[in-house]
Amino acid sequence: MAQMTKMQTLGQIVRTTRKKQGLTQEQLAAVSGVGVRFVRELEQGKESCHIGKSLHILAMLGLDIQISGDNL
């Protein structure tokens, strides 16, 4: 599992997983109930992306994150 220390890393993981699953940004947005603009900004690593929506996108792609107490 990749260690996510930046939103850019999260965006790269989302983009890679989306493409592996054969989804377009439009399709991922539609099944996730978010706008295409949000998916684009998430994949670009935009720092201000809403965490709730970001976690929902991860769930739709079958991804999860682990938080270590060392990072808190």
C-alpha atoms as a PDB file:
ATOM      1  CA  MET A   1       0.000   0.000   0.000  1.00  0.00           C
ATOM      2  CA  ALA A   2       1.347   3.426  -0.921  1.00  0.00           C
ATOM      3  CA  GLN A   3       1.969   5.825   1.907  1.00  0.00           C
ATOM      4  CA  MET A   4      -0.106   8.939   1.373  1.00  0.00           C
ATOM      5  CA  THR A   5       1.626  12.025   2.633  1.00  0.00           C
ATOM      6  CA  LYS A   6       0.222  14.437   0.068  1.00  0.00           C
ATOM      7  CA  MET A   7      -3.076  14.971  -1.724  1.00  0.00           C
ATOM      8  CA  GLN A   8      -1.111  14.556  -4.955  1.00  0.00           C
ATOM      9  CA  THR A   9      -0.303  10.962  -3.977  1.00  0.00           C
ATOM     10  CA  LEU A  10      -3.959  10.277  -3.233  1.00  0.00           C
ATOM     11  CA  GLY A  11      -4.911  11.757  -6.602  1.00  0.00           C
ATOM     12  CA  GLN A  12      -2.442   9.518  -8.414  1.00  0.00           C
ATOM     13  CA  ILE A  13      -3.830   6.449  -6.652  1.00  0.00           C
ATOM     14  CA  VAL A  14      -7.406   7.409  -7.542  1.00  0.00           C
ATOM     15  CA  ARG A  15      -6.493   8.033 -11.195  1.00  0.00           C
ATOM     16  CA  THR A  16      -4.549   4.772 -11.522  1.00  0.00           C
ATOM     17  CA  THR A  17      -7.303   2.710  -9.883  1.00  0.00           C
ATOM     18  CA  ARG A  18     -10.036   4.382 -11.939  1.00  0.00           C
ATOM     19  CA  LYS A  19      -8.200   3.616 -15.167  1.00  0.00           C
ATOM     20  CA  LYS A  20      -7.474   0.006 -14.113  1.00  0.00           C
ATOM     21  CA  GLN A  21     -11.214  -0.419 -13.561  1.00  0.00           C
ATOM     22  CA  GLY A  22     -11.914   0.970 -17.041  1.00  0.00           C
ATOM     23  CA  LEU A  23     -13.825   3.999 -15.788  1.00  0.00           C
ATOM     24  CA  THR A  24     -13.786   7.500 -17.218  1.00  0.00           C
ATOM     25  CA  GLN A  25     -13.836  10.489 -14.897  1.00  0.00           C
ATOM     26  CA  GLU A  26     -17.427  11.051 -15.970  1.00  0.00           C
ATOM     27  CA  GLN A  27     -18.445   7.499 -15.091  1.00  0.00           C
ATOM     28  CA  LEU A  28     -16.741   7.628 -11.695  1.00  0.00           C
ATOM     29  CA  ALA A  29     -18.435  10.937 -10.948  1.00  0.00           C
ATOM     30  CA  ALA A  30     -21.834   9.523 -11.914  1.00  0.00           C
ATOM     31  CA  VAL A  31     -21.594   6.368  -9.763  1.00  0.00           C
ATOM     32  CA  SER A  32     -20.174   8.370  -6.860  1.00  0.00           C
ATOM     33  CA  GLY A  33     -22.765  11.121  -6.974  1.00  0.00           C
ATOM     34  CA  VAL A  34     -20.208  13.908  -7.360  1.00  0.00           C
ATOM     35  CA  GLY A  35     -19.400  16.266 -10.191  1.00  0.00           C
ATOM     36  CA  VAL A  36     -16.782  15.592 -12.842  1.00  0.00           C
ATOM     37  CA  ARG A  37     -14.959  18.725 -11.703  1.00  0.00           C
ATOM     38  CA  PHE A  38     -14.536  17.209  -8.236  1.00  0.00           C
ATOM     39  CA  VAL A  39     -13.044  14.005  -9.673  1.00  0.00           C
ATOM     40  CA  ARG A  40     -10.632  16.039 -11.799  1.00  0.00           C
ATOM     41  CA  GLU A  41      -9.550  18.170  -8.846  1.00  0.00           C
ATOM     42  CA  LEU A  42      -9.122  15.098  -6.642  1.00  0.00           C
ATOM     43  CA  GLU A  43      -6.950  13.396  -9.265  1.00  0.00           C
ATOM     44  CA  GLN A  44      -4.895  16.580  -9.616  1.00  0.00           C
ATOM     45  CA  GLY A  45      -4.221  16.551  -5.882  1.00  0.00           C
ATOM     46  CA  LYS A  46      -6.019  19.776  -5.112  1.00  0.00           C
ATOM     47  CA  GLU A  47      -5.477  20.450  -1.412  1.00  0.00           C
ATOM     48  CA  SER A  48      -8.958  21.830  -0.795  1.00  0.00           C
ATOM     49  CA  CYS A  49     -10.891  18.729  -1.906  1.00  0.00           C
ATOM     50  CA  HIS A  50     -13.673  17.863   0.527  1.00  0.00           C
ATOM     51  CA  ILE A  51     -12.551  14.900   2.666  1.00  0.00           C
ATOM     52  CA  GLY A  52     -16.008  13.318   2.857  1.00  0.00           C
ATOM     53  CA  LYS A  53     -16.396  13.242  -0.899  1.00  0.00           C
ATOM     54  CA  SER A  54     -12.805  12.037  -1.276  1.00  0.00           C
ATOM     55  CA  LEU A  55     -13.444   9.111   1.077  1.00  0.00           C
ATOM     56  CA  HIS A  56     -16.649   8.274  -0.811  1.00  0.00           C
ATOM     57  CA  ILE A  57     -14.700   8.124  -4.105  1.00  0.00           C
ATOM     58  CA  LEU A  58     -12.147   5.806  -2.471  1.00  0.00           C
ATOM     59  CA  ALA A  59     -14.943   3.539  -1.266  1.00  0.00           C
ATOM     60  CA  MET A  60     -16.526   3.433  -4.729  1.00  0.00           C
ATOM     61  CA  LEU A  61     -13.164   2.284  -6.124  1.00  0.00           C
ATOM     62  CA  GLY A  62     -12.756  -0.335  -3.397  1.00  0.00           C
ATOM     63  CA  LEU A  63      -9.863   1.531  -1.770  1.00  0.00           C
ATOM     64  CA  ASP A  64      -9.351   2.284   1.892  1.00  0.00           C
ATOM     65  CA  ILE A  65      -6.833   4.227   3.883  1.00  0.00           C
ATOM     66  CA  GLN A  66      -5.048   3.350   7.068  1.00  0.00           C
ATOM     67  CA  ILE A  67      -4.070   5.944   9.607  1.00  0.00           C
ATOM     68  CA  SER A  68      -1.180   5.160  11.853  1.00  0.00           C
ATOM     69  CA  GLY A  69      -0.882   6.611  15.340  1.00  0.00           C
ATOM     70  CA  ASP A  70       2.655   7.598  14.351  1.00  0.00           C
ATOM     71  CA  ASN A  71       1.210  10.120  11.910  1.00  0.00           C
ATOM     72  CA  LEU A  72      -1.009  11.853  14.445  1.00  0.00           C
END
